Amino acid sequence: MNKVSKILLVVIASFTLCLITSCGKKYTLKYDANGGKFDDNNSIVEEEYKAKKEVNIISKKPTLEGKEFIGWYNEENELVEGNFVITKNTTLVAKYQDVMYTVEYKTNSGKFADGTTSKTQEYKYNATITLIEEVPTLEGKEFIGWYNEENEL
């Protein structure tokens, strides 16, 4: 084998090894806040990684008014948590659920018709609250209305 053949063989072997190990190949990991925003007011965060690198999911969580962030989801709509090995350009999309608030009606020693002393209702963020119509009773007292924690009617 002559010198040129040896050099050519080394170049081909190096190129092949580079292809097999994704030599220098990089992938983009994009976090899409899906209508929300990160602390820096951006809705997209992009990171670049070498191929086949183990990636830690970012700890930053986007916010969206009236919604609670529940996680990052891949193109297959699967929750992605912790670490994963990046093998292609990947976009993770934020998912949210409605923020819910609970209104508790306390009877202040009275009782509802079913004998309970309190009832609760859940409402979505920014929804109009409709007070329950059921009126509690307390012997010798007249119900005059529901008050909030600050004693406001």
C-alpha atoms as a PDB file:
ATOM      1  CA  MET A   1       0.000   0.000   0.000  1.00  0.00           C
ATOM      2  CA  ASN A   2       1.548   3.266  -1.078  1.00  0.00           C
ATOM      3  CA  LYS A   3       1.674   6.486   0.929  1.00  0.00           C
ATOM      4  CA  VAL A   4      -1.252   8.133  -0.898  1.00  0.00           C
ATOM      5  CA  SER A   5      -3.474   5.092  -0.272  1.00  0.00           C
ATOM      6  CA  LYS A   6      -2.611   5.135   3.435  1.00  0.00           C
ATOM      7  CA  ILE A   7      -3.422   8.838   3.728  1.00  0.00           C
ATOM      8  CA  LEU A   8      -6.672   8.333   1.845  1.00  0.00           C
ATOM      9  CA  LEU A   9      -7.575   5.404   4.125  1.00  0.00           C
ATOM     10  CA  VAL A  10      -6.903   7.531   7.258  1.00  0.00           C
ATOM     11  CA  VAL A  11      -9.016  10.396   5.887  1.00  0.00           C
ATOM     12  CA  ILE A  12     -11.907   8.025   5.016  1.00  0.00           C
ATOM     13  CA  ALA A  13     -11.670   6.320   8.428  1.00  0.00           C
ATOM     14  CA  SER A  14     -11.665   9.687  10.224  1.00  0.00           C
ATOM     15  CA  PHE A  15     -14.621  10.902   8.193  1.00  0.00           C
ATOM     16  CA  THR A  16     -16.529   7.676   8.865  1.00  0.00           C
ATOM     17  CA  LEU A  17     -15.767   7.870  12.586  1.00  0.00           C
ATOM     18  CA  CYS A  18     -16.901  11.478  12.602  1.00  0.00           C
ATOM     19  CA  LEU A  19     -20.196  10.515  10.936  1.00  0.00           C
ATOM     20  CA  ILE A  20     -20.793   7.627  13.330  1.00  0.00           C
ATOM     21  CA  THR A  21     -20.173   9.750  16.408  1.00  0.00           C
ATOM     22  CA  SER A  22     -21.986  12.808  14.981  1.00  0.00           C
ATOM     23  CA  CYS A  23     -18.715  14.707  15.143  1.00  0.00           C
ATOM     24  CA  GLY A  24     -19.552  18.330  15.686  1.00  0.00           C
ATOM     25  CA  LYS A  25     -23.278  17.812  15.056  1.00  0.00           C
ATOM     26  CA  LYS A  26     -25.438  20.072  17.179  1.00  0.00           C
ATOM     27  CA  TYR A  27     -29.139  20.206  17.855  1.00  0.00           C
ATOM     28  CA  THR A  28     -31.402  22.991  19.026  1.00  0.00           C
ATOM     29  CA  LEU A  29     -33.682  22.536  22.001  1.00  0.00           C
ATOM     30  CA  LYS A  30     -36.477  25.094  21.920  1.00  0.00           C
ATOM     31  CA  TYR A  31     -38.816  25.822  24.840  1.00  0.00           C
ATOM     32  CA  ASP A  32     -42.080  27.375  23.617  1.00  0.00           C
ATOM     33  CA  ALA A  33     -44.024  29.137  26.407  1.00  0.00           C
ATOM     34  CA  ASN A  34     -47.268  28.570  24.449  1.00  0.00           C
ATOM     35  CA  GLY A  35     -48.797  31.996  25.074  1.00  0.00           C
ATOM     36  CA  GLY A  36     -46.958  32.501  28.353  1.00  0.00           C
ATOM     37  CA  LYS A  37     -43.812  34.457  29.126  1.00  0.00           C
ATOM     38  CA  PHE A  38     -40.566  33.761  30.942  1.00  0.00           C
ATOM     39  CA  ASP A  39     -39.181  36.185  33.561  1.00  0.00           C
ATOM     40  CA  ASP A  40     -37.272  38.051  30.830  1.00  0.00           C
ATOM     41  CA  ASN A  41     -40.592  38.579  28.948  1.00  0.00           C
ATOM     42  CA  ASN A  42     -39.577  36.235  26.123  1.00  0.00           C
ATOM     43  CA  SER A  43     -41.867  33.460  24.964  1.00  0.00           C
ATOM     44  CA  ILE A  44     -39.132  31.253  23.458  1.00  0.00           C
ATOM     45  CA  VAL A  45     -35.880  29.970  24.921  1.00  0.00           C
ATOM     46  CA  GLU A  46     -33.421  28.187  22.632  1.00  0.00           C
ATOM     47  CA  GLU A  47     -30.386  26.167  23.655  1.00  0.00           C
ATOM     48  CA  GLU A  48     -27.862  24.332  21.507  1.00  0.00           C
ATOM     49  CA  TYR A  49     -26.321  20.989  22.443  1.00  0.00           C
ATOM     50  CA  LYS A  50     -23.925  18.495  20.935  1.00  0.00           C
ATOM     51  CA  ALA A  51     -25.667  15.458  19.486  1.00  0.00           C
ATOM     52  CA  LYS A  52     -26.405  12.612  21.885  1.00  0.00           C
ATOM     53  CA  LYS A  53     -25.768  14.798  24.931  1.00  0.00           C
ATOM     54  CA  GLU A  54     -27.836  14.282  28.068  1.00  0.00           C
ATOM     55  CA  VAL A  55     -29.883  17.437  28.591  1.00  0.00           C
ATOM     56  CA  ASN A  56     -31.453  18.699  31.819  1.00  0.00           C
ATOM     57  CA  ILE A  57     -34.852  20.343  31.388  1.00  0.00           C
ATOM     58  CA  ILE A  58     -34.671  24.043  32.319  1.00  0.00           C
ATOM     59  CA  SER A  59     -35.968  24.991  35.718  1.00  0.00           C
ATOM     60  CA  LYS A  60     -37.472  28.261  34.418  1.00  0.00           C
ATOM     61  CA  LYS A  61     -41.246  28.097  34.284  1.00  0.00           C
ATOM     62  CA  PRO A  62     -43.276  30.416  32.092  1.00  0.00           C
ATOM     63  CA  THR A  63     -46.308  32.193  33.461  1.00  0.00           C
ATOM     64  CA  LEU A  64     -49.677  32.783  31.841  1.00  0.00           C
ATOM     65  CA  GLU A  65     -52.344  34.831  33.588  1.00  0.00           C
ATOM     66  CA  GLY A  66     -55.063  32.676  35.100  1.00  0.00           C
ATOM     67  CA  LYS A  67     -53.152  29.492  34.331  1.00  0.00           C
ATOM     68  CA  GLU A  68     -50.777  27.231  36.224  1.00  0.00           C
ATOM     69  CA  PHE A  69     -47.773  25.711  34.413  1.00  0.00           C
ATOM     70  CA  ILE A  70     -47.938  21.890  34.521  1.00  0.00           C
ATOM     71  CA  GLY A  71     -44.951  20.858  32.407  1.00  0.00           C
ATOM     72  CA  TRP A  72     -43.045  20.600  29.128  1.00  0.00           C
ATOM     73  CA  TYR A  73     -44.484  18.381  26.379  1.00  0.00           C
ATOM     74  CA  ASN A  74     -42.780  17.030  23.255  1.00  0.00           C
ATOM     75  CA  GLU A  75     -44.127  16.681  19.698  1.00  0.00           C
ATOM     76  CA  GLU A  76     -45.792  13.370  20.681  1.00  0.00           C
ATOM     77  CA  ASN A  77     -47.692  15.194  23.464  1.00  0.00           C
ATOM     78  CA  GLU A  78     -45.717  13.338  26.150  1.00  0.00           C
ATOM     79  CA  LEU A  79     -44.596  15.007  29.363  1.00  0.00           C
ATOM     80  CA  VAL A  80     -40.801  15.437  29.414  1.00  0.00           C
ATOM     81  CA  GLU A  81     -39.230  15.643  32.869  1.00  0.00           C
ATOM     82  CA  GLY A  82     -35.709  15.500  34.262  1.00  0.00           C
ATOM     83  CA  ASN A  83     -33.103  14.510  31.683  1.00  0.00           C
ATOM     84  CA  PHE A  84     -33.142  13.142  28.154  1.00  0.00           C
ATOM     85  CA  VAL A  85     -30.624  12.490  25.378  1.00  0.00           C
ATOM     86  CA  ILE A  86     -30.953  14.920  22.482  1.00  0.00           C
ATOM     87  CA  THR A  87     -30.902  13.211  19.094  1.00  0.00           C
ATOM     88  CA  LYS A  88     -32.640  15.806  16.898  1.00  0.00           C
ATOM     89  CA  ASN A  89     -33.853  19.396  16.887  1.00  0.00           C
ATOM     90  CA  THR A  90     -36.528  19.380  19.558  1.00  0.00           C
ATOM     91  CA  THR A  91     -39.316  21.728  20.634  1.00  0.00           C
ATOM     92  CA  LEU A  92     -40.901  21.397  24.046  1.00  0.00           C
ATOM     93  CA  VAL A  93     -44.203  23.202  24.540  1.00  0.00           C
ATOM     94  CA  ALA A  94     -45.523  24.498  27.873  1.00  0.00           C
ATOM     95  CA  LYS A  95     -48.892  23.224  29.046  1.00  0.00           C
ATOM     96  CA  TYR A  96     -51.127  24.893  31.586  1.00  0.00           C
ATOM     97  CA  GLN A  97     -54.263  24.259  33.542  1.00  0.00           C
ATOM     98  CA  ASP A  98     -56.803  26.758  34.795  1.00  0.00           C
ATOM     99  CA  VAL A  99     -56.109  28.289  38.185  1.00  0.00           C
ATOM    100  CA  MET A 100     -59.025  27.423  40.425  1.00  0.00           C
ATOM    101  CA  TYR A 101     -60.203  29.219  43.543  1.00  0.00           C
ATOM    102  CA  THR A 102     -62.334  27.785  46.299  1.00  0.00           C
ATOM    103  CA  VAL A 103     -65.050  29.785  48.030  1.00  0.00           C
ATOM    104  CA  GLU A 104     -66.033  28.350  51.382  1.00  0.00           C
ATOM    105  CA  TYR A 105     -69.394  29.224  52.918  1.00  0.00           C
ATOM    106  CA  LYS A 106     -69.229  28.924  56.723  1.00  0.00           C
ATOM    107  CA  THR A 107     -72.478  29.080  58.673  1.00  0.00           C
ATOM    108  CA  ASN A 108     -71.069  30.635  61.880  1.00  0.00           C
ATOM    109  CA  SER A 109     -72.816  28.101  64.165  1.00  0.00           C
ATOM    110  CA  GLY A 110     -75.802  27.680  61.837  1.00  0.00           C
ATOM    111  CA  LYS A 111     -76.568  24.668  59.648  1.00  0.00           C
ATOM    112  CA  PHE A 112     -77.573  23.965  56.092  1.00  0.00           C
ATOM    113  CA  ALA A 113     -80.606  21.760  55.396  1.00  0.00           C
ATOM    114  CA  ASP A 114     -78.349  18.689  55.098  1.00  0.00           C
ATOM    115  CA  GLY A 115     -76.903  19.328  58.578  1.00  0.00           C
ATOM    116  CA  THR A 116     -73.481  20.561  57.406  1.00  0.00           C
ATOM    117  CA  THR A 117     -71.914  23.749  58.708  1.00  0.00           C
ATOM    118  CA  SER A 118     -70.000  24.666  55.552  1.00  0.00           C
ATOM    119  CA  LYS A 119     -70.069  24.239  51.782  1.00  0.00           C
ATOM    120  CA  THR A 120     -67.510  24.977  49.080  1.00  0.00           C
ATOM    121  CA  GLN A 121     -67.605  25.936  45.419  1.00  0.00           C
ATOM    122  CA  GLU A 122     -64.724  26.138  42.931  1.00  0.00           C
ATOM    123  CA  TYR A 123     -64.298  28.887  40.383  1.00  0.00           C
ATOM    124  CA  LYS A 124     -61.862  29.478  37.547  1.00  0.00           C
ATOM    125  CA  TYR A 125     -59.553  32.469  37.776  1.00  0.00           C
ATOM    126  CA  ASN A 126     -61.358  35.736  36.959  1.00  0.00           C
ATOM    127  CA  ALA A 127     -64.789  34.042  36.798  1.00  0.00           C
ATOM    128  CA  THR A 128     -67.893  35.662  38.188  1.00  0.00           C
ATOM    129  CA  ILE A 129     -68.831  34.140  41.523  1.00  0.00           C
ATOM    130  CA  THR A 130     -72.468  33.217  41.982  1.00  0.00           C
ATOM    131  CA  LEU A 131     -73.268  32.876  45.675  1.00  0.00           C
ATOM    132  CA  ILE A 132     -75.104  29.744  46.727  1.00  0.00           C
ATOM    133  CA  GLU A 133     -78.830  30.195  47.157  1.00  0.00           C
ATOM    134  CA  GLU A 134     -79.173  27.818  50.083  1.00  0.00           C
ATOM    135  CA  VAL A 135     -79.587  29.743  53.316  1.00  0.00           C
ATOM    136  CA  PRO A 136     -78.334  28.304  56.617  1.00  0.00           C
ATOM    137  CA  THR A 137     -80.502  28.421  59.698  1.00  0.00           C
ATOM    138  CA  LEU A 138     -79.701  29.126  63.334  1.00  0.00           C
ATOM    139  CA  GLU A 139     -82.459  29.008  65.928  1.00  0.00           C
ATOM    140  CA  GLY A 140     -83.503  32.462  67.036  1.00  0.00           C
ATOM    141  CA  LYS A 141     -81.460  34.218  64.320  1.00  0.00           C
ATOM    142  CA  GLU A 142     -82.254  35.596  60.887  1.00  0.00           C
ATOM    143  CA  PHE A 143     -79.781  35.073  58.029  1.00  0.00           C
ATOM    144  CA  ILE A 144     -78.761  38.465  56.635  1.00  0.00           C
ATOM    145  CA  GLY A 145     -76.111  37.487  54.082  1.00  0.00           C
ATOM    146  CA  TRP A 146     -72.619  36.193  53.392  1.00  0.00           C
ATOM    147  CA  TYR A 147     -69.600  38.152  54.595  1.00  0.00           C
ATOM    148  CA  ASN A 148     -65.986  37.842  53.441  1.00  0.00           C
ATOM    149  CA  GLU A 149     -63.021  37.500  55.801  1.00  0.00           C
ATOM    150  CA  GLU A 150     -62.895  41.282  56.241  1.00  0.00           C
ATOM    151  CA  ASN A 151     -66.557  41.233  57.442  1.00  0.00           C
ATOM    152  CA  GLU A 152     -67.743  42.938  54.277  1.00  0.00           C
ATOM    153  CA  LEU A 153     -71.147  41.959  52.901  1.00  0.00           C
END
